[in-house]
Structure formats: structure tokens, C-alpha cells
Amino acid sequence: MAQPLAPSVAPEFVYKLVSPAASFDPSDKVLPLSALDKADGFYHLSTSAQVPGTANRFFPRSKFSDLLILKIRFAGIAPQVKWEAARGEHPPDASRIFPHVYGDLEQEHIIGTILLDWDEQAGAWDFSTGWEERVQ
């Protein structure tokens, strides 16, 4: 049975935001949980459309000096994903339904990383056109 909140077409990629960037160790078999992930009991992920809002809302420059985005192939983690509304969203707005991974997030599904720059003029993380393709 399909999840009622899941998108009708699965994304090709989902994203995990990590800061500081140095906390990401690609040699780990399983991605460590962040403090928020531990508290909530799952990995918080975003779709490409959600990443800019998530970054600028939860990773303010005043608290984070850098921001690394992990690009994850969705097909590899799909069985572990539950699509859930953001806290306080009742009824949920479709743009506020997020992919959450329950269980271990094995790093073999991460296809690359994207290190974002801060745009001083805009006062926000730089999500200029093509940010999803800046994979390292």
C-alpha cells in the first residue's frame, strides 16, 4: 500500500544537510545521526525543491559557518522512507511533506556532496541555478 503523503512520482534524488562540513566522514558505512535526527528518531531529508528553505530556516549563518549537502539516490533508500508532514502542518501542505529515513542511512547511497557558499549580498545560502549539479 502506498503512503498517502508520498509524492505520485518518486524523486530521483533526496538531500541531507550537514554542518559543519568537517563532521561528514565518507569512510563511515552509516551516516551518523545529527542531534535533531537523534531527538526525532529518524534522518531528516529534503527534496531538491525543499533544500533552499530548509537550509535558510534551520542553518542560519549566525550559527553555521558552512553547509554541506549530501546528494542521495532515492531508489536505494526508498523502502526506509516515510513521507511526513512538517511539525505543525495540519492539514499538510504538499510542499511541506518531507522524506524521513527510519533505520540506518548507509552511505553507499550518497552519490556526492555539494558545499554551499554564503551569499553576503542576499543574506542567504547560494542556491543559484544548477546548485544540484555542483556535486564533488
Protein backbone atom coordinates (compact mmCIF):
# COMPACT_ATOMS: atom_id res chain seq x y z
CA MET A 1 0.00 0.00 0.00
CA ALA A 2 1.38 3.42 -0.97
CA GLN A 3 1.85 6.05 1.69
CA PRO A 4 -0.90 8.68 1.45
CA LEU A 5 1.58 11.59 1.77
CA ALA A 6 4.17 10.24 -0.70
CA PRO A 7 4.52 12.11 -3.99
CA SER A 8 2.89 10.48 -7.01
CA VAL A 9 6.29 10.33 -8.72
CA ALA A 10 9.30 9.44 -6.58
CA PRO A 11 12.23 11.84 -6.83
CA GLU A 12 15.49 10.64 -8.33
CA PHE A 13 17.47 12.25 -5.50
CA VAL A 14 16.88 13.49 -1.97
CA TYR A 15 19.25 15.55 0.14
CA LYS A 16 20.68 15.65 3.66
CA LEU A 17 22.08 18.91 5.02
CA VAL A 18 25.16 18.65 7.24
CA SER A 19 27.09 21.27 9.20
CA PRO A 20 29.87 21.58 9.93
CA ALA A 21 31.05 20.04 6.68
CA ALA A 22 34.01 18.52 8.52
CA SER A 23 31.63 16.29 10.50
CA PHE A 24 30.92 14.28 7.34
CA ASP A 25 33.24 11.31 7.01
CA PRO A 26 32.73 9.47 3.70
CA SER A 27 34.54 6.43 5.09
CA ASP A 28 31.73 5.74 7.58
CA LYS A 29 29.48 2.88 6.46
CA VAL A 30 26.43 4.53 8.03
CA LEU A 31 25.77 8.27 8.21
CA PRO A 32 25.79 9.37 11.86
CA LEU A 33 22.59 10.93 13.16
CA SER A 34 22.63 14.66 13.88
CA ALA A 35 21.41 15.86 17.27
CA LEU A 36 18.00 16.69 15.74
CA ASP A 37 17.83 13.31 13.99
CA LYS A 38 18.60 11.54 17.28
CA ALA A 39 15.92 13.51 19.11
CA ASP A 40 13.28 12.76 16.45
CA GLY A 41 14.32 9.16 15.75
CA PHE A 42 14.89 9.49 12.01
CA TYR A 43 17.08 11.22 9.42
CA HIS A 44 15.61 14.50 8.16
CA LEU A 45 15.91 14.74 4.38
CA SER A 46 14.59 17.18 1.78
CA THR A 47 13.65 17.14 -1.87
CA SER A 48 15.54 19.48 -4.20
CA ALA A 49 12.68 22.00 -4.05
CA GLN A 50 12.78 21.96 -0.22
CA VAL A 51 16.55 22.28 0.25
CA PRO A 52 16.83 26.10 -0.03
CA GLY A 53 14.07 26.69 2.51
CA THR A 54 15.43 24.05 4.88
CA ALA A 55 18.96 25.47 4.62
CA ASN A 56 17.98 29.07 5.25
CA ARG A 57 15.50 28.25 8.00
CA PHE A 58 17.47 25.69 10.02
CA PHE A 59 21.09 26.56 9.19
CA PRO A 60 21.41 30.32 9.76
CA ARG A 61 24.83 31.84 9.09
CA SER A 62 24.88 33.14 12.67
CA LYS A 63 25.16 29.53 13.90
CA PHE A 64 26.74 27.67 10.97
CA SER A 65 29.92 28.64 9.13
CA ASP A 66 29.44 26.17 6.28
CA LEU A 67 26.84 23.88 4.81
CA LEU A 68 27.34 20.58 3.05
CA ILE A 69 24.56 18.89 1.13
CA LEU A 70 24.65 15.14 0.62
CA LYS A 71 23.03 14.04 -2.64
CA ILE A 72 21.35 10.66 -2.12
CA ARG A 73 19.90 8.32 -4.77
CA PHE A 74 16.31 7.84 -3.64
CA ALA A 75 15.81 4.36 -5.15
CA GLY A 76 18.40 2.90 -2.76
CA ILE A 77 16.67 4.16 0.38
CA ALA A 78 13.02 4.15 -0.73
CA PRO A 79 11.99 1.20 1.48
CA GLN A 80 13.17 3.11 4.57
CA VAL A 81 11.48 6.42 3.71
CA LYS A 82 8.29 7.71 5.25
CA TRP A 83 6.84 10.88 3.77
CA GLU A 84 5.65 13.00 6.68
CA ALA A 85 4.31 16.48 7.21
CA ALA A 86 6.47 19.09 8.84
CA ARG A 87 5.71 19.56 12.51
CA GLY A 88 2.56 21.60 12.99
CA GLU A 89 1.25 21.15 9.44
CA HIS A 90 -2.43 20.17 9.71
CA PRO A 91 -3.69 19.66 7.11
CA PRO A 92 -0.31 19.22 5.45
CA ASP A 93 0.68 21.43 2.53
CA ALA A 94 2.19 19.24 -0.23
CA SER A 95 5.35 21.38 -0.28
CA ARG A 96 5.84 20.62 3.43
CA ILE A 97 5.84 16.82 3.15
CA PHE A 98 9.39 15.64 3.81
CA PRO A 99 11.20 12.34 3.29
CA HIS A 100 12.34 10.85 6.60
CA VAL A 101 14.58 7.81 6.80
CA TYR A 102 13.96 5.34 9.59
CA GLY A 103 16.82 2.95 10.31
CA ASP A 104 20.42 3.27 9.16
CA LEU A 105 21.23 5.53 6.25
CA GLU A 106 24.04 3.66 4.52
CA GLN A 107 26.48 5.96 2.78
CA GLU A 108 26.68 3.77 -0.31
CA HIS A 109 23.55 5.64 -1.48
CA ILE A 110 25.27 9.05 -1.32
CA ILE A 111 26.42 9.90 -4.82
CA GLY A 112 28.26 13.11 -3.93
CA THR A 113 28.41 16.27 -1.88
CA ILE A 114 27.71 19.91 -2.57
CA LEU A 115 29.47 22.54 -0.46
CA LEU A 116 27.42 25.73 -0.42
CA ASP A 117 28.73 29.25 -0.28
CA TRP A 118 27.12 32.04 1.71
CA ASP A 119 25.85 34.92 -0.42
CA GLU A 120 26.55 38.04 1.68
CA GLN A 121 24.55 40.30 -0.60
CA ALA A 122 21.45 38.09 -0.45
CA GLY A 123 21.98 37.19 3.20
CA ALA A 124 21.32 33.53 2.38
CA TRP A 125 23.00 30.33 1.20
CA ASP A 126 23.82 30.43 -2.52
CA PHE A 127 21.29 28.34 -4.43
CA SER A 128 21.96 29.86 -7.83
CA THR A 129 20.80 27.93 -10.87
CA GLY A 130 22.27 24.47 -11.13
CA TRP A 131 23.19 24.01 -7.47
CA GLU A 132 22.15 20.32 -7.62
CA GLU A 133 24.84 19.68 -10.23
CA ARG A 134 27.75 21.12 -8.20
CA VAL A 135 28.49 17.62 -6.94
CA GLN A 136 32.01 16.94 -5.72
